[in-house]
Amino acid sequence: MNAKYALALILALQVSMSMCDIATPSPELVQKYDEMKSVFYQRLLTAYGKLQAVAAPYVETIGDSERGQKAKDFIEDLQTKPEFQAFVKVASGLGAEAAPLVDKVRSAVLGLYEQYFRPHVGDYLSNGIDHIKTHLNVYLPAQ
């Protein structure tokens, strides 16, 4: 009976170790991902620019009201506090430290997608993304 448990344990360990070997994604998939990511960021910047252009007249008149002036004073006071400045430094440091980890995780996820999911759902996902792009190009262009 103990031999059966030992065999089951060895097989379970082999399966778990084989799942730890994550394939690296192909350069074609990484390039496609990077292109989509850059277009997505361009769309976000365009949307931010449009939002800023629409909100600019309202933001300029905020300081005229009493509540707006209080909010403006609060934000300016908050920015001068050492606690807030320390929080910003810690957050930016964490972001810088997490960047290599995020790249490693992104590479692992792309490798898993390419190895296990792309053969089954790759065409459907590509067609869906192309369909969404047609609508985004109308309502939220990248340029």
C-alpha atoms as a PDB file:
ATOM      1  CA  MET A   1       0.000   0.000   0.000  1.00  0.00           C
ATOM      2  CA  ASN A   2       2.860   2.402   0.782  1.00  0.00           C
ATOM      3  CA  ALA A   3       4.344   1.729  -2.651  1.00  0.00           C
ATOM      4  CA  LYS A   4       1.103   2.943  -4.258  1.00  0.00           C
ATOM      5  CA  TYR A   5       1.233   6.163  -2.226  1.00  0.00           C
ATOM      6  CA  ALA A   6       4.876   6.680  -3.137  1.00  0.00           C
ATOM      7  CA  LEU A   7       4.121   6.129  -6.831  1.00  0.00           C
ATOM      8  CA  ALA A   8       1.161   8.526  -6.670  1.00  0.00           C
ATOM      9  CA  LEU A   9       3.338  11.127  -4.942  1.00  0.00           C
ATOM     10  CA  ILE A  10       6.093  10.791  -7.539  1.00  0.00           C
ATOM     11  CA  LEU A  11       3.596  11.137 -10.393  1.00  0.00           C
ATOM     12  CA  ALA A  12       1.967  14.158  -8.770  1.00  0.00           C
ATOM     13  CA  LEU A  13       5.363  15.811  -8.322  1.00  0.00           C
ATOM     14  CA  GLN A  14       6.273  15.120 -11.950  1.00  0.00           C
ATOM     15  CA  VAL A  15       3.023  16.662 -13.143  1.00  0.00           C
ATOM     16  CA  SER A  16       3.460  19.714 -10.941  1.00  0.00           C
ATOM     17  CA  MET A  17       7.067  20.172 -12.075  1.00  0.00           C
ATOM     18  CA  SER A  18       6.131  19.826 -15.742  1.00  0.00           C
ATOM     19  CA  MET A  19       3.549  22.562 -15.263  1.00  0.00           C
ATOM     20  CA  CYS A  20       6.267  24.856 -13.898  1.00  0.00           C
ATOM     21  CA  ASP A  21       8.077  24.787 -17.249  1.00  0.00           C
ATOM     22  CA  ILE A  22       6.335  27.657 -19.000  1.00  0.00           C
ATOM     23  CA  ALA A  23       7.119  28.066 -22.660  1.00  0.00           C
ATOM     24  CA  THR A  24       8.396  31.424 -23.819  1.00  0.00           C
ATOM     25  CA  PRO A  25       6.076  33.174 -26.257  1.00  0.00           C
ATOM     26  CA  SER A  26       7.024  33.478 -29.893  1.00  0.00           C
ATOM     27  CA  PRO A  27       8.434  36.805 -31.111  1.00  0.00           C
ATOM     28  CA  GLU A  28       5.417  37.151 -33.432  1.00  0.00           C
ATOM     29  CA  LEU A  29       2.990  36.969 -30.493  1.00  0.00           C
ATOM     30  CA  VAL A  30       5.063  39.388 -28.401  1.00  0.00           C
ATOM     31  CA  GLN A  31       5.198  41.851 -31.310  1.00  0.00           C
ATOM     32  CA  LYS A  32       1.423  41.580 -31.828  1.00  0.00           C
ATOM     33  CA  TYR A  33       0.843  42.128 -28.106  1.00  0.00           C
ATOM     34  CA  ASP A  34       3.166  45.148 -28.007  1.00  0.00           C
ATOM     35  CA  GLU A  35       1.448  46.704 -31.036  1.00  0.00           C
ATOM     36  CA  MET A  36      -1.990  46.232 -29.472  1.00  0.00           C
ATOM     37  CA  LYS A  37      -0.754  47.652 -26.177  1.00  0.00           C
ATOM     38  CA  SER A  38       0.718  50.746 -27.819  1.00  0.00           C
ATOM     39  CA  VAL A  39      -2.486  51.376 -29.802  1.00  0.00           C
ATOM     40  CA  PHE A  40      -4.493  50.957 -26.590  1.00  0.00           C
ATOM     41  CA  TYR A  41      -2.323  53.538 -24.805  1.00  0.00           C
ATOM     42  CA  GLN A  42      -2.680  55.907 -27.765  1.00  0.00           C
ATOM     43  CA  ARG A  43      -6.461  55.521 -27.542  1.00  0.00           C
ATOM     44  CA  LEU A  44      -6.340  56.284 -23.815  1.00  0.00           C
ATOM     45  CA  LEU A  45      -4.217  59.388 -24.413  1.00  0.00           C
ATOM     46  CA  THR A  46      -6.618  60.554 -27.115  1.00  0.00           C
ATOM     47  CA  ALA A  47      -9.581  60.037 -24.798  1.00  0.00           C
ATOM     48  CA  TYR A  48      -7.768  61.901 -22.013  1.00  0.00           C
ATOM     49  CA  GLY A  49      -7.037  64.797 -24.368  1.00  0.00           C
ATOM     50  CA  LYS A  50     -10.682  64.991 -25.436  1.00  0.00           C
ATOM     51  CA  LEU A  51     -11.856  64.821 -21.831  1.00  0.00           C
ATOM     52  CA  GLN A  52      -9.382  67.504 -20.820  1.00  0.00           C
ATOM     53  CA  ALA A  53     -10.526  69.759 -23.670  1.00  0.00           C
ATOM     54  CA  VAL A  54     -14.164  69.356 -22.623  1.00  0.00           C
ATOM     55  CA  ALA A  55     -13.460  69.845 -18.923  1.00  0.00           C
ATOM     56  CA  ALA A  56     -11.051  72.788 -19.281  1.00  0.00           C
ATOM     57  CA  PRO A  57     -13.726  75.538 -19.162  1.00  0.00           C
ATOM     58  CA  TYR A  58     -15.291  73.980 -16.057  1.00  0.00           C
ATOM     59  CA  VAL A  59     -11.953  73.545 -14.319  1.00  0.00           C
ATOM     60  CA  GLU A  60     -11.053  77.179 -14.906  1.00  0.00           C
ATOM     61  CA  THR A  61     -14.254  78.370 -13.215  1.00  0.00           C
ATOM     62  CA  ILE A  62     -13.989  76.016 -10.224  1.00  0.00           C
ATOM     63  CA  GLY A  63     -11.916  78.486  -8.232  1.00  0.00           C
ATOM     64  CA  ASP A  64     -14.687  81.094  -8.466  1.00  0.00           C
ATOM     65  CA  SER A  65     -17.033  79.299  -6.060  1.00  0.00           C
ATOM     66  CA  GLU A  66     -16.399  78.927  -2.340  1.00  0.00           C
ATOM     67  CA  ARG A  67     -16.521  75.121  -2.418  1.00  0.00           C
ATOM     68  CA  GLY A  68     -14.194  75.017  -5.408  1.00  0.00           C
ATOM     69  CA  GLN A  69     -11.704  77.269  -3.677  1.00  0.00           C
ATOM     70  CA  LYS A  70     -11.796  75.042  -0.581  1.00  0.00           C
ATOM     71  CA  ALA A  71     -11.168  71.954  -2.708  1.00  0.00           C
ATOM     72  CA  LYS A  72      -8.288  73.691  -4.490  1.00  0.00           C
ATOM     73  CA  ASP A  73      -6.757  74.761  -1.166  1.00  0.00           C
ATOM     74  CA  PHE A  74      -7.136  71.223   0.219  1.00  0.00           C
ATOM     75  CA  ILE A  75      -5.331  69.702  -2.768  1.00  0.00           C
ATOM     76  CA  GLU A  76      -2.521  72.258  -2.590  1.00  0.00           C
ATOM     77  CA  ASP A  77      -2.184  71.664   1.165  1.00  0.00           C
ATOM     78  CA  LEU A  78      -2.160  67.893   0.633  1.00  0.00           C
ATOM     79  CA  GLN A  79       0.661  68.140  -1.897  1.00  0.00           C
ATOM     80  CA  THR A  80       2.877  70.001   0.572  1.00  0.00           C
ATOM     81  CA  LYS A  81       2.464  67.471   3.390  1.00  0.00           C
ATOM     82  CA  PRO A  82       5.516  65.255   3.977  1.00  0.00           C
ATOM     83  CA  GLU A  83       3.283  62.199   4.519  1.00  0.00           C
ATOM     84  CA  PHE A  84       1.821  62.550   1.039  1.00  0.00           C
ATOM     85  CA  GLN A  85       5.262  63.080  -0.483  1.00  0.00           C
ATOM     86  CA  ALA A  86       6.534  59.958   1.292  1.00  0.00           C
ATOM     87  CA  PHE A  87       3.551  57.988   0.004  1.00  0.00           C
ATOM     88  CA  VAL A  88       4.275  59.142  -3.541  1.00  0.00           C
ATOM     89  CA  LYS A  89       7.949  58.147  -3.204  1.00  0.00           C
ATOM     90  CA  VAL A  90       7.046  54.700  -1.847  1.00  0.00           C
ATOM     91  CA  ALA A  91       4.449  54.148  -4.569  1.00  0.00           C
ATOM     92  CA  SER A  92       6.848  55.168  -7.342  1.00  0.00           C
ATOM     93  CA  GLY A  93       9.564  52.943  -5.826  1.00  0.00           C
ATOM     94  CA  LEU A  94       7.183  50.001  -5.707  1.00  0.00           C
ATOM     95  CA  GLY A  95       6.260  50.641  -9.317  1.00  0.00           C
ATOM     96  CA  ALA A  96       9.902  50.644 -10.353  1.00  0.00           C
ATOM     97  CA  GLU A  97      10.623  47.472  -8.378  1.00  0.00           C
ATOM     98  CA  ALA A  98       7.546  45.694  -9.742  1.00  0.00           C
ATOM     99  CA  ALA A  99       8.298  46.427 -13.415  1.00  0.00           C
ATOM    100  CA  PRO A 100      10.606  43.398 -13.968  1.00  0.00           C
ATOM    101  CA  LEU A 101       8.149  41.142 -12.151  1.00  0.00           C
ATOM    102  CA  VAL A 102       5.284  42.412 -14.299  1.00  0.00           C
ATOM    103  CA  ASP A 103       7.317  41.750 -17.451  1.00  0.00           C
ATOM    104  CA  LYS A 104       8.086  38.217 -16.276  1.00  0.00           C
ATOM    105  CA  VAL A 105       4.430  37.532 -15.471  1.00  0.00           C
ATOM    106  CA  ARG A 106       3.321  39.002 -18.802  1.00  0.00           C
ATOM    107  CA  SER A 107       5.779  36.763 -20.636  1.00  0.00           C
ATOM    108  CA  ALA A 108       4.572  33.724 -18.693  1.00  0.00           C
ATOM    109  CA  VAL A 109       0.917  34.491 -19.418  1.00  0.00           C
ATOM    110  CA  LEU A 110       1.642  34.992 -23.116  1.00  0.00           C
ATOM    111  CA  GLY A 111       3.551  31.697 -23.146  1.00  0.00           C
ATOM    112  CA  LEU A 112       0.659  29.876 -21.479  1.00  0.00           C
ATOM    113  CA  TYR A 113      -1.819  31.479 -23.862  1.00  0.00           C
ATOM    114  CA  GLU A 114       0.234  30.488 -26.892  1.00  0.00           C
ATOM    115  CA  GLN A 115       0.811  26.948 -25.721  1.00  0.00           C
ATOM    116  CA  TYR A 116      -2.643  26.037 -24.412  1.00  0.00           C
ATOM    117  CA  PHE A 117      -5.296  28.500 -25.581  1.00  0.00           C
ATOM    118  CA  ARG A 118      -4.204  29.994 -28.898  1.00  0.00           C
ATOM    119  CA  PRO A 119      -4.729  26.807 -30.921  1.00  0.00           C
ATOM    120  CA  HIS A 120      -8.348  26.670 -29.719  1.00  0.00           C
ATOM    121  CA  VAL A 121      -9.490  30.285 -29.341  1.00  0.00           C
ATOM    122  CA  GLY A 122      -6.863  32.277 -31.234  1.00  0.00           C
ATOM    123  CA  ASP A 123      -8.921  32.841 -34.385  1.00  0.00           C
ATOM    124  CA  TYR A 124     -12.074  33.752 -32.471  1.00  0.00           C
ATOM    125  CA  LEU A 125     -10.159  36.169 -30.259  1.00  0.00           C
ATOM    126  CA  SER A 126      -8.424  37.775 -33.240  1.00  0.00           C
ATOM    127  CA  ASN A 127     -11.737  38.192 -35.087  1.00  0.00           C
ATOM    128  CA  GLY A 128     -13.352  39.645 -31.956  1.00  0.00           C
ATOM    129  CA  ILE A 129     -10.526  42.130 -31.462  1.00  0.00           C
ATOM    130  CA  ASP A 130     -10.715  43.167 -35.131  1.00  0.00           C
ATOM    131  CA  HIS A 131     -14.475  43.669 -34.777  1.00  0.00           C
ATOM    132  CA  ILE A 132     -14.011  45.800 -31.646  1.00  0.00           C
ATOM    133  CA  LYS A 133     -11.292  47.826 -33.407  1.00  0.00           C
ATOM    134  CA  THR A 134     -13.749  48.894 -36.112  1.00  0.00           C
ATOM    135  CA  HIS A 135     -16.015  50.417 -33.468  1.00  0.00           C
ATOM    136  CA  LEU A 136     -13.121  51.940 -31.541  1.00  0.00           C
ATOM    137  CA  ASN A 137     -11.765  53.564 -34.694  1.00  0.00           C
ATOM    138  CA  VAL A 138     -15.098  55.368 -35.076  1.00  0.00           C
ATOM    139  CA  TYR A 139     -15.673  56.439 -31.473  1.00  0.00           C
ATOM    140  CA  LEU A 140     -12.171  56.496 -29.978  1.00  0.00           C
ATOM    141  CA  PRO A 141      -9.478  56.698 -32.668  1.00  0.00           C
ATOM    142  CA  ALA A 142      -5.829  56.143 -31.793  1.00  0.00           C
ATOM    143  CA  GLN A 143      -4.732  59.429 -33.406  1.00  0.00           C
END
